[in-house]
Amino acid sequence: MNSLTENSLLSEIIFYMADLPIFVVPLFLIFGWIFYAYKKQNNKKEFLLFIFYSMILAILISTFIQQFVDLDRPENSIQNADRLILEHIPDASFPSDHASVGMSFIAALFLFGYSQLWYILAPFFVMMILSRVAGWLHWPLDIFVGSIIWILSAFWVYKMQNINILKKINQFFLKIAWYFKL
């Protein structure tokens, strides 16, 4: 996959696709929250909270794993480091945080009833994780483990959505939002 960066057009696509889709996540959550506040649909805001919890759980699991497993990024072990198309601050490569957050977001969208949006966004997030491998930011194993994390985190939050403590936490956040007219 890394040889794709030798083509100038693909190199540009990889450059943008390695990071751009992740910016959809906060935009969706913020604009979704504002839209549902305007429509006064608190149940839909709760779904947004659960989607957010899925991503938080995914990043917590990734961070926990990164405390025990330290793998260098591919960019640290290649001979032609001067040809990298993306500059990156060296940190833990395994598992991929982008894959964990992005794919938990996509899985949660599907599980919490946004399947039409899932069909639109899923290809972009898949392109994002493939671009991270092609751009020498991650090893395929980093992405694979990140994918397992997103499945587990989104599914676990989906299954736990009816637990009283989560309902109380959601009600607390909804009351705070109501106080600020959000």
N, C-alpha and C. Protein backbone atom coordinates (compact mmCIF):
# COMPACT_ATOMS: atom_id res chain seq x y z
N MET A 1 0.82 -1.21 0.00
CA MET A 1 0.00 0.00 0.00
C MET A 1 0.86 1.26 0.00
N ASN A 2 2.03 1.17 0.60
CA ASN A 2 2.87 2.36 0.70
C ASN A 2 3.35 2.84 -0.66
N SER A 3 3.39 1.97 -1.63
CA SER A 3 3.84 2.37 -2.96
C SER A 3 2.84 3.30 -3.63
N LEU A 4 1.63 3.39 -3.11
CA LEU A 4 0.64 4.30 -3.68
C LEU A 4 1.08 5.75 -3.58
N THR A 5 1.95 6.06 -2.61
CA THR A 5 2.40 7.44 -2.44
C THR A 5 3.34 7.89 -3.56
N GLU A 6 3.79 6.98 -4.40
CA GLU A 6 4.66 7.35 -5.52
C GLU A 6 3.89 8.06 -6.62
N ASN A 7 2.59 7.80 -6.72
CA ASN A 7 1.73 8.49 -7.68
C ASN A 7 1.33 9.83 -7.08
N SER A 8 1.56 10.93 -7.79
CA SER A 8 1.32 12.26 -7.21
C SER A 8 -0.15 12.50 -6.88
N LEU A 9 -1.08 12.04 -7.73
CA LEU A 9 -2.50 12.23 -7.45
C LEU A 9 -2.91 11.42 -6.21
N LEU A 10 -2.50 10.16 -6.17
CA LEU A 10 -2.83 9.33 -5.00
C LEU A 10 -2.16 9.86 -3.74
N SER A 11 -0.98 10.40 -3.90
CA SER A 11 -0.28 10.98 -2.76
C SER A 11 -1.07 12.13 -2.16
N GLU A 12 -1.65 12.97 -3.01
CA GLU A 12 -2.49 14.08 -2.54
C GLU A 12 -3.75 13.57 -1.86
N ILE A 13 -4.38 12.57 -2.46
CA ILE A 13 -5.60 12.00 -1.86
C ILE A 13 -5.29 11.40 -0.50
N ILE A 14 -4.21 10.65 -0.42
CA ILE A 14 -3.80 10.03 0.85
C ILE A 14 -3.51 11.10 1.88
N PHE A 15 -2.84 12.18 1.46
CA PHE A 15 -2.49 13.27 2.37
C PHE A 15 -3.74 13.82 3.05
N TYR A 16 -4.80 14.06 2.29
CA TYR A 16 -6.02 14.63 2.86
C TYR A 16 -6.89 13.58 3.55
N MET A 17 -6.98 12.42 2.95
CA MET A 17 -7.88 11.39 3.52
C MET A 17 -7.35 10.78 4.81
N ALA A 18 -6.08 10.92 5.10
CA ALA A 18 -5.53 10.35 6.33
C ALA A 18 -6.06 11.07 7.57
N ASP A 19 -6.51 12.31 7.42
CA ASP A 19 -6.98 13.07 8.58
C ASP A 19 -8.36 13.71 8.43
N LEU A 20 -8.74 14.12 7.24
CA LEU A 20 -9.98 14.89 7.08
C LEU A 20 -11.25 14.22 7.62
N PRO A 21 -11.49 12.95 7.37
CA PRO A 21 -12.76 12.37 7.85
C PRO A 21 -12.96 12.47 9.36
N ILE A 22 -11.89 12.50 10.14
CA ILE A 22 -12.04 12.55 11.58
C ILE A 22 -12.70 13.86 12.03
N PHE A 23 -12.61 14.91 11.21
CA PHE A 23 -13.23 16.19 11.55
C PHE A 23 -14.75 16.16 11.38
N VAL A 24 -15.27 15.15 10.73
CA VAL A 24 -16.72 14.98 10.60
C VAL A 24 -17.33 14.67 11.97
N VAL A 25 -16.58 13.99 12.82
CA VAL A 25 -17.10 13.55 14.11
C VAL A 25 -17.58 14.72 14.97
N PRO A 26 -16.72 15.70 15.29
CA PRO A 26 -17.24 16.80 16.12
C PRO A 26 -18.30 17.63 15.42
N LEU A 27 -18.18 17.78 14.10
CA LEU A 27 -19.20 18.53 13.36
C LEU A 27 -20.55 17.86 13.47
N PHE A 28 -20.57 16.54 13.30
CA PHE A 28 -21.83 15.80 13.41
C PHE A 28 -22.42 15.95 14.81
N LEU A 29 -21.59 15.78 15.83
CA LEU A 29 -22.09 15.85 17.20
C LEU A 29 -22.59 17.25 17.56
N ILE A 30 -21.86 18.27 17.18
CA ILE A 30 -22.25 19.65 17.51
C ILE A 30 -23.50 20.06 16.75
N PHE A 31 -23.48 19.87 15.43
CA PHE A 31 -24.64 20.30 14.64
C PHE A 31 -25.86 19.41 14.91
N GLY A 32 -25.62 18.13 15.18
CA GLY A 32 -26.73 17.25 15.56
C GLY A 32 -27.36 17.71 16.87
N TRP A 33 -26.53 18.07 17.83
CA TRP A 33 -27.03 18.55 19.13
C TRP A 33 -27.85 19.83 18.96
N ILE A 34 -27.34 20.77 18.18
CA ILE A 34 -28.05 22.03 17.95
C ILE A 34 -29.37 21.77 17.23
N PHE A 35 -29.35 20.90 16.23
CA PHE A 35 -30.57 20.57 15.49
C PHE A 35 -31.61 19.95 16.41
N TYR A 36 -31.21 18.97 17.24
CA TYR A 36 -32.16 18.32 18.13
C TYR A 36 -32.59 19.23 19.27
N ALA A 37 -31.78 20.19 19.65
CA ALA A 37 -32.18 21.18 20.65
C ALA A 37 -33.27 22.07 20.06
N TYR A 38 -33.08 22.45 18.81
CA TYR A 38 -34.08 23.28 18.12
C TYR A 38 -35.40 22.51 17.96
N LYS A 39 -35.31 21.23 17.64
CA LYS A 39 -36.51 20.40 17.45
C LYS A 39 -37.08 19.87 18.77
N LYS A 40 -36.33 20.11 19.88
CA LYS A 40 -36.73 19.64 21.22
C LYS A 40 -36.89 18.12 21.26
N GLN A 41 -35.89 17.42 20.74
CA GLN A 41 -35.89 15.95 20.72
C GLN A 41 -34.76 15.44 21.61
N ASN A 42 -35.05 15.36 22.91
CA ASN A 42 -34.04 14.92 23.87
C ASN A 42 -33.63 13.46 23.65
N ASN A 43 -34.54 12.62 23.17
CA ASN A 43 -34.17 11.23 22.94
C ASN A 43 -33.09 11.11 21.87
N LYS A 44 -33.13 11.97 20.88
CA LYS A 44 -32.09 11.97 19.84
C LYS A 44 -30.77 12.51 20.40
N LYS A 45 -30.86 13.46 21.33
CA LYS A 45 -29.64 13.96 21.97
C LYS A 45 -29.00 12.86 22.79
N GLU A 46 -29.82 11.99 23.39
CA GLU A 46 -29.26 10.87 24.13
C GLU A 46 -28.50 9.93 23.21
N PHE A 47 -29.00 9.72 21.99
CA PHE A 47 -28.27 8.90 21.03
C PHE A 47 -26.91 9.53 20.70
N LEU A 48 -26.88 10.86 20.59
CA LEU A 48 -25.61 11.55 20.34
C LEU A 48 -24.65 11.34 21.51
N LEU A 49 -25.19 11.36 22.72
CA LEU A 49 -24.34 11.10 23.89
C LEU A 49 -23.78 9.69 23.86
N PHE A 50 -24.61 8.72 23.48
CA PHE A 50 -24.13 7.34 23.40
C PHE A 50 -23.05 7.18 22.32
N ILE A 51 -23.23 7.86 21.21
CA ILE A 51 -22.20 7.83 20.16
C ILE A 51 -20.90 8.41 20.71
N PHE A 52 -21.01 9.50 21.46
CA PHE A 52 -19.84 10.11 22.10
C PHE A 52 -19.20 9.15 23.10
N TYR A 53 -20.01 8.48 23.90
CA TYR A 53 -19.48 7.51 24.88
C TYR A 53 -18.73 6.38 24.18
N SER A 54 -19.23 5.95 23.03
CA SER A 54 -18.55 4.89 22.27
C SER A 54 -17.14 5.31 21.89
N MET A 55 -17.02 6.55 21.45
CA MET A 55 -15.70 7.04 21.06
C MET A 55 -14.79 7.22 22.27
N ILE A 56 -15.35 7.70 23.37
CA ILE A 56 -14.55 7.87 24.59
C ILE A 56 -14.05 6.51 25.07
N LEU A 57 -14.92 5.51 25.06
CA LEU A 57 -14.51 4.17 25.47
C LEU A 57 -13.42 3.64 24.55
N ALA A 58 -13.55 3.85 23.25
CA ALA A 58 -12.54 3.38 22.29
C ALA A 58 -11.19 4.03 22.56
N ILE A 59 -11.18 5.32 22.83
CA ILE A 59 -9.91 6.00 23.07
C ILE A 59 -9.33 5.59 24.42
N LEU A 60 -10.16 5.33 25.41
CA LEU A 60 -9.66 4.85 26.70
C LEU A 60 -9.01 3.47 26.57
N ILE A 61 -9.65 2.60 25.81
CA ILE A 61 -9.07 1.27 25.60
C ILE A 61 -7.75 1.38 24.83
N SER A 62 -7.73 2.22 23.80
CA SER A 62 -6.49 2.42 23.03
C SER A 62 -5.38 2.96 23.92
N THR A 63 -5.71 3.94 24.74
CA THR A 63 -4.70 4.53 25.62
C THR A 63 -4.19 3.50 26.62
N PHE A 64 -5.07 2.68 27.13
CA PHE A 64 -4.67 1.63 28.06
C PHE A 64 -3.69 0.66 27.38
N ILE A 65 -4.03 0.22 26.18
CA ILE A 65 -3.15 -0.70 25.45
C ILE A 65 -1.80 -0.04 25.17
N GLN A 66 -1.82 1.24 24.82
CA GLN A 66 -0.58 1.95 24.50
C GLN A 66 0.35 2.07 25.70
N GLN A 67 -0.18 1.95 26.91
CA GLN A 67 0.67 1.99 28.10
C GLN A 67 1.54 0.74 28.22
N PHE A 68 1.11 -0.35 27.62
CA PHE A 68 1.81 -1.62 27.74
C PHE A 68 2.50 -2.08 26.47
N VAL A 69 2.05 -1.58 25.33
CA VAL A 69 2.61 -1.99 24.05
C VAL A 69 3.18 -0.74 23.37
N ASP A 70 4.47 -0.77 23.11
CA ASP A 70 5.12 0.37 22.48
C ASP A 70 5.71 -0.07 21.14
N LEU A 71 5.00 0.26 20.08
CA LEU A 71 5.49 -0.03 18.72
C LEU A 71 5.78 1.28 18.01
N ASP A 72 6.93 1.31 17.36
CA ASP A 72 7.27 2.49 16.56
C ASP A 72 6.37 2.58 15.34
N ARG A 73 6.19 3.79 14.89
CA ARG A 73 5.44 4.00 13.66
C ARG A 73 6.30 3.56 12.48
N PRO A 74 5.66 3.24 11.36
CA PRO A 74 6.43 2.83 10.17
C PRO A 74 7.42 3.91 9.71
N GLU A 75 7.06 5.17 9.92
CA GLU A 75 7.93 6.25 9.47
C GLU A 75 9.29 6.23 10.18
N ASN A 76 9.36 5.60 11.35
CA ASN A 76 10.62 5.53 12.08
C ASN A 76 11.51 4.40 11.59
N SER A 77 10.97 3.49 10.81
CA SER A 77 11.75 2.33 10.41
C SER A 77 11.98 2.22 8.90
N ILE A 78 11.61 3.23 8.16
CA ILE A 78 11.81 3.16 6.70
C ILE A 78 13.10 3.85 6.31
N GLN A 79 13.63 3.45 5.18
CA GLN A 79 14.89 4.01 4.68
C GLN A 79 14.69 5.39 4.05
N ASN A 80 13.57 5.60 3.37
CA ASN A 80 13.33 6.84 2.65
C ASN A 80 12.44 7.78 3.45
N ALA A 81 12.81 8.10 4.66
CA ALA A 81 11.98 8.94 5.51
C ALA A 81 11.82 10.35 4.94
N ASP A 82 12.69 10.74 4.04
CA ASP A 82 12.57 12.07 3.44
C ASP A 82 11.43 12.14 2.43
N ARG A 83 10.85 11.00 2.05
CA ARG A 83 9.76 10.96 1.07
C ARG A 83 8.39 10.87 1.72
N LEU A 84 8.28 11.04 3.02
CA LEU A 84 6.99 10.94 3.69
C LEU A 84 6.08 12.07 3.21
N ILE A 85 4.82 11.75 3.01
CA ILE A 85 3.87 12.78 2.57
C ILE A 85 3.18 13.45 3.75
N LEU A 86 3.26 12.85 4.92
CA LEU A 86 2.66 13.41 6.12
C LEU A 86 3.71 13.52 7.21
N GLU A 87 3.75 14.66 7.85
CA GLU A 87 4.62 14.79 9.01
C GLU A 87 3.80 14.42 10.22
N HIS A 88 4.42 13.74 11.15
CA HIS A 88 3.68 13.27 12.31
C HIS A 88 4.54 13.39 13.54
N ILE A 89 3.93 13.78 14.63
CA ILE A 89 4.63 13.80 15.91
C ILE A 89 4.73 12.36 16.38
N PRO A 90 5.94 11.88 16.64
CA PRO A 90 6.08 10.48 17.05
C PRO A 90 5.39 10.22 18.39
N ASP A 91 4.52 9.29 18.38
CA ASP A 91 3.88 8.80 19.59
C ASP A 91 3.51 7.35 19.35
N ALA A 92 2.69 6.80 20.20
CA ALA A 92 2.36 5.39 20.09
C ALA A 92 1.62 5.11 18.78
N SER A 93 2.02 4.06 18.14
CA SER A 93 1.41 3.68 16.88
C SER A 93 0.30 2.65 17.08
N PHE A 94 0.44 1.85 18.10
CA PHE A 94 -0.44 0.68 18.28
C PHE A 94 -1.33 0.85 19.49
N PRO A 95 -2.62 0.73 19.37
CA PRO A 95 -3.43 0.72 18.15
C PRO A 95 -3.68 2.14 17.65
N SER A 96 -4.20 2.23 16.47
CA SER A 96 -4.45 3.52 15.86
C SER A 96 -5.60 4.24 16.55
N ASP A 97 -5.32 5.45 17.04
CA ASP A 97 -6.38 6.24 17.67
C ASP A 97 -7.40 6.70 16.62
N HIS A 98 -6.91 7.06 15.44
CA HIS A 98 -7.83 7.47 14.38
C HIS A 98 -8.80 6.33 14.03
N ALA A 99 -8.27 5.13 13.91
CA ALA A 99 -9.14 3.99 13.59
C ALA A 99 -10.11 3.73 14.73
N SER A 100 -9.63 3.82 15.95
CA SER A 100 -10.50 3.56 17.10
C SER A 100 -11.64 4.56 17.18
N VAL A 101 -11.32 5.84 17.09
CA VAL A 101 -12.35 6.87 17.19
C VAL A 101 -13.24 6.86 15.95
N GLY A 102 -12.62 6.87 14.78
CA GLY A 102 -13.40 6.94 13.55
C GLY A 102 -14.33 5.75 13.36
N MET A 103 -13.81 4.58 13.61
CA MET A 103 -14.64 3.41 13.38
C MET A 103 -15.65 3.18 14.51
N SER A 104 -15.34 3.60 15.74
CA SER A 104 -16.36 3.51 16.80
C SER A 104 -17.49 4.49 16.49
N PHE A 105 -17.14 5.64 15.92
CA PHE A 105 -18.16 6.60 15.49
C PHE A 105 -19.06 5.99 14.42
N ILE A 106 -18.44 5.38 13.42
CA ILE A 106 -19.21 4.77 12.33
C ILE A 106 -20.10 3.63 12.85
N ALA A 107 -19.54 2.77 13.71
CA ALA A 107 -20.32 1.65 14.25
C ALA A 107 -21.47 2.17 15.10
N ALA A 108 -21.20 3.19 15.92
CA ALA A 108 -22.26 3.74 16.77
C ALA A 108 -23.35 4.41 15.93
N LEU A 109 -22.96 5.06 14.84
CA LEU A 109 -23.97 5.64 13.94
C LEU A 109 -24.94 4.56 13.48
N PHE A 110 -24.39 3.45 13.06
CA PHE A 110 -25.23 2.36 12.57
C PHE A 110 -26.10 1.79 13.68
N LEU A 111 -25.50 1.55 14.84
CA LEU A 111 -26.23 0.92 15.94
C LEU A 111 -27.32 1.82 16.52
N PHE A 112 -27.11 3.12 16.51
CA PHE A 112 -28.08 4.03 17.11
C PHE A 112 -29.03 4.66 16.10
N GLY A 113 -29.17 4.03 14.94
CA GLY A 113 -30.24 4.40 14.03
C GLY A 113 -29.91 5.40 12.95
N TYR A 114 -28.66 5.68 12.72
CA TYR A 114 -28.26 6.60 11.66
C TYR A 114 -27.71 5.82 10.47
N SER A 115 -28.42 4.79 10.07
CA SER A 115 -27.88 3.89 9.05
C SER A 115 -27.73 4.58 7.69
N GLN A 116 -28.60 5.50 7.35
CA GLN A 116 -28.45 6.19 6.06
C GLN A 116 -27.17 7.02 6.04
N LEU A 117 -26.89 7.69 7.14
CA LEU A 117 -25.66 8.46 7.24
C LEU A 117 -24.45 7.52 7.26
N TRP A 118 -24.62 6.36 7.85
CA TRP A 118 -23.55 5.36 7.89
C TRP A 118 -23.12 4.98 6.47
N TYR A 119 -24.10 4.75 5.60
CA TYR A 119 -23.78 4.37 4.22
C TYR A 119 -23.00 5.47 3.49
N ILE A 120 -23.24 6.72 3.86
CA ILE A 120 -22.52 7.83 3.23
C ILE A 120 -21.12 7.97 3.81
N LEU A 121 -20.98 7.88 5.12
CA LEU A 121 -19.71 8.17 5.78
C LEU A 121 -18.75 6.99 5.86
N ALA A 122 -19.26 5.78 5.91
CA ALA A 122 -18.39 4.60 6.08
C ALA A 122 -17.28 4.52 5.03
N PRO A 123 -17.56 4.74 3.75
CA PRO A 123 -16.45 4.68 2.78
C PRO A 123 -15.34 5.70 3.05
N PHE A 124 -15.70 6.87 3.53
CA PHE A 124 -14.70 7.89 3.82
C PHE A 124 -13.82 7.49 5.02
N PHE A 125 -14.43 6.87 6.01
CA PHE A 125 -13.65 6.44 7.17
C PHE A 125 -12.78 5.23 6.85
N VAL A 126 -13.27 4.37 5.98
CA VAL A 126 -12.43 3.25 5.52
C VAL A 126 -11.25 3.79 4.72
N MET A 127 -11.51 4.78 3.86
CA MET A 127 -10.42 5.41 3.12
C MET A 127 -9.43 6.08 4.07
N MET A 128 -9.93 6.63 5.17
CA MET A 128 -9.05 7.28 6.14
C MET A 128 -8.08 6.27 6.74
N ILE A 129 -8.60 5.13 7.18
CA ILE A 129 -7.70 4.18 7.83
C ILE A 129 -6.74 3.54 6.83
N LEU A 130 -7.19 3.32 5.60
CA LEU A 130 -6.29 2.80 4.58
C LEU A 130 -5.22 3.84 4.21
N SER A 131 -5.59 5.11 4.20
CA SER A 131 -4.64 6.18 3.91
C SER A 131 -3.60 6.30 5.01
N ARG A 132 -3.96 5.97 6.22
CA ARG A 132 -3.00 6.04 7.32
C ARG A 132 -1.94 4.94 7.18
N VAL A 133 -2.33 3.81 6.61
CA VAL A 133 -1.34 2.76 6.33
C VAL A 133 -0.51 3.16 5.11
N ALA A 134 -1.16 3.62 4.07
CA ALA A 134 -0.44 3.99 2.85
C ALA A 134 0.49 5.18 3.08
N GLY A 135 0.15 6.07 4.00
CA GLY A 135 0.96 7.24 4.29
C GLY A 135 2.05 7.00 5.32
N TRP A 136 2.31 5.76 5.67
CA TRP A 136 3.37 5.35 6.60
C TRP A 136 3.12 5.82 8.03
N LEU A 137 1.87 6.05 8.40
CA LEU A 137 1.57 6.45 9.77
C LEU A 137 1.29 5.25 10.67
N HIS A 138 0.79 4.17 10.08
CA HIS A 138 0.44 2.99 10.86
C HIS A 138 0.77 1.71 10.11
N TRP A 139 1.01 0.69 10.89
CA TRP A 139 1.13 -0.66 10.36
C TRP A 139 -0.28 -1.21 10.20
N PRO A 140 -0.50 -2.16 9.32
CA PRO A 140 -1.83 -2.77 9.19
C PRO A 140 -2.35 -3.35 10.51
N LEU A 141 -1.47 -3.89 11.33
CA LEU A 141 -1.90 -4.43 12.62
C LEU A 141 -2.48 -3.34 13.52
N ASP A 142 -1.94 -2.13 13.46
CA ASP A 142 -2.47 -1.02 14.25
C ASP A 142 -3.93 -0.76 13.89
N ILE A 143 -4.22 -0.81 12.60
CA ILE A 143 -5.57 -0.56 12.11
C ILE A 143 -6.49 -1.73 12.47
N PHE A 144 -5.99 -2.94 12.33
CA PHE A 144 -6.79 -4.12 12.64
C PHE A 144 -7.21 -4.12 14.11
N VAL A 145 -6.27 -3.86 15.00
CA VAL A 145 -6.60 -3.83 16.43
C VAL A 145 -7.52 -2.65 16.73
N GLY A 146 -7.28 -1.51 16.08
CA GLY A 146 -8.20 -0.38 16.24
C GLY A 146 -9.61 -0.74 15.83
N SER A 147 -9.72 -1.53 14.77
CA SER A 147 -11.05 -1.96 14.31
C SER A 147 -11.74 -2.87 15.32
N ILE A 148 -10.97 -3.75 15.95
CA ILE A 148 -11.55 -4.59 16.99
C ILE A 148 -12.05 -3.72 18.14
N ILE A 149 -11.27 -2.70 18.50
CA ILE A 149 -11.66 -1.81 19.58
C ILE A 149 -12.96 -1.08 19.25
N TRP A 150 -13.11 -0.61 18.02
CA TRP A 150 -14.34 0.10 17.70
C TRP A 150 -15.54 -0.82 17.75
N ILE A 151 -15.38 -2.05 17.30
CA ILE A 151 -16.50 -3.00 17.37
C ILE A 151 -16.91 -3.20 18.83
N LEU A 152 -15.94 -3.45 19.67
CA LEU A 152 -16.23 -3.71 21.08
C LEU A 152 -16.80 -2.49 21.80
N SER A 153 -16.22 -1.33 21.58
CA SER A 153 -16.69 -0.16 22.31
C SER A 153 -18.08 0.28 21.88
N ALA A 154 -18.33 0.34 20.60
CA ALA A 154 -19.65 0.76 20.13
C ALA A 154 -20.72 -0.26 20.51
N PHE A 155 -20.41 -1.53 20.35
CA PHE A 155 -21.38 -2.56 20.69
C PHE A 155 -21.65 -2.60 22.19
N TRP A 156 -20.60 -2.45 23.00
CA TRP A 156 -20.77 -2.46 24.44
C TRP A 156 -21.64 -1.30 24.91
N VAL A 157 -21.40 -0.10 24.39
CA VAL A 157 -22.22 1.06 24.75
C VAL A 157 -23.66 0.86 24.28
N TYR A 158 -23.82 0.30 23.10
CA TYR A 158 -25.17 0.04 22.59
C TYR A 158 -25.92 -0.93 23.51
N LYS A 159 -25.25 -1.98 23.95
CA LYS A 159 -25.88 -2.96 24.83
C LYS A 159 -26.14 -2.40 26.23
N MET A 160 -25.35 -1.44 26.67
CA MET A 160 -25.46 -0.90 28.02
C MET A 160 -26.31 0.37 28.10
N GLN A 161 -26.93 0.78 27.01
CA GLN A 161 -27.63 2.05 26.99
C GLN A 161 -28.81 2.12 27.96
N ASN A 162 -29.35 1.00 28.38
CA ASN A 162 -30.50 1.02 29.28
C ASN A 162 -30.14 0.87 30.75
N ILE A 163 -28.86 0.91 31.07
CA ILE A 163 -28.43 0.83 32.47
C ILE A 163 -28.75 2.17 33.14
N ASN A 164 -29.25 2.08 34.36
CA ASN A 164 -29.71 3.28 35.07
C ASN A 164 -28.63 4.34 35.23
N ILE A 165 -27.42 3.93 35.51
CA ILE A 165 -26.36 4.93 35.72
C ILE A 165 -26.10 5.75 34.46
N LEU A 166 -26.15 5.11 33.29
CA LEU A 166 -25.98 5.85 32.04
C LEU A 166 -27.16 6.78 31.79
N LYS A 167 -28.35 6.32 32.13
CA LYS A 167 -29.53 7.18 31.97
C LYS A 167 -29.43 8.40 32.88
N LYS A 168 -28.94 8.19 34.10
CA LYS A 168 -28.79 9.32 35.03
C LYS A 168 -27.71 10.29 34.54
N ILE A 169 -26.62 9.75 34.01
CA ILE A 169 -25.57 10.61 33.47
C ILE A 169 -26.12 11.42 32.30
N ASN A 170 -26.87 10.76 31.42
CA ASN A 170 -27.47 11.47 30.29
C ASN A 170 -28.43 12.56 30.77
N GLN A 171 -29.25 12.25 31.76
CA GLN A 171 -30.19 13.24 32.28
C GLN A 171 -29.45 14.44 32.88
N PHE A 172 -28.33 14.16 33.55
CA PHE A 172 -27.50 15.24 34.09
C PHE A 172 -27.00 16.15 32.98
N PHE A 173 -26.46 15.55 31.92
CA PHE A 173 -25.96 16.35 30.80
C PHE A 173 -27.09 17.10 30.09
N LEU A 174 -28.23 16.47 29.96
CA LEU A 174 -29.36 17.13 29.32
C LEU A 174 -29.87 18.29 30.15
N LYS A 175 -29.85 18.17 31.48
CA LYS A 175 -30.26 19.28 32.35
C LYS A 175 -29.30 20.45 32.23
N ILE A 176 -28.02 20.14 32.18
CA ILE A 176 -27.02 21.21 32.01
C ILE A 176 -27.23 21.89 30.66
N ALA A 177 -27.45 21.11 29.64
CA ALA A 177 -27.68 21.67 28.31
C ALA A 177 -28.95 22.52 28.29
N TRP A 178 -29.98 22.05 28.95
CA TRP A 178 -31.25 22.80 29.02
C TRP A 178 -31.02 24.13 29.72
N TYR A 179 -30.22 24.12 30.79
CA TYR A 179 -29.93 25.35 31.53
C TYR A 179 -29.27 26.39 30.62
N PHE A 180 -28.40 25.94 29.72
CA PHE A 180 -27.72 26.83 28.79
C PHE A 180 -28.47 26.98 27.48
N LYS A 181 -29.71 26.51 27.46
CA LYS A 181 -30.59 26.61 26.27
C LYS A 181 -30.03 25.86 25.08
N LEU A 182 -29.36 24.75 25.36
CA LEU A 182 -28.83 23.91 24.29
C LEU A 182 -29.65 22.65 24.23
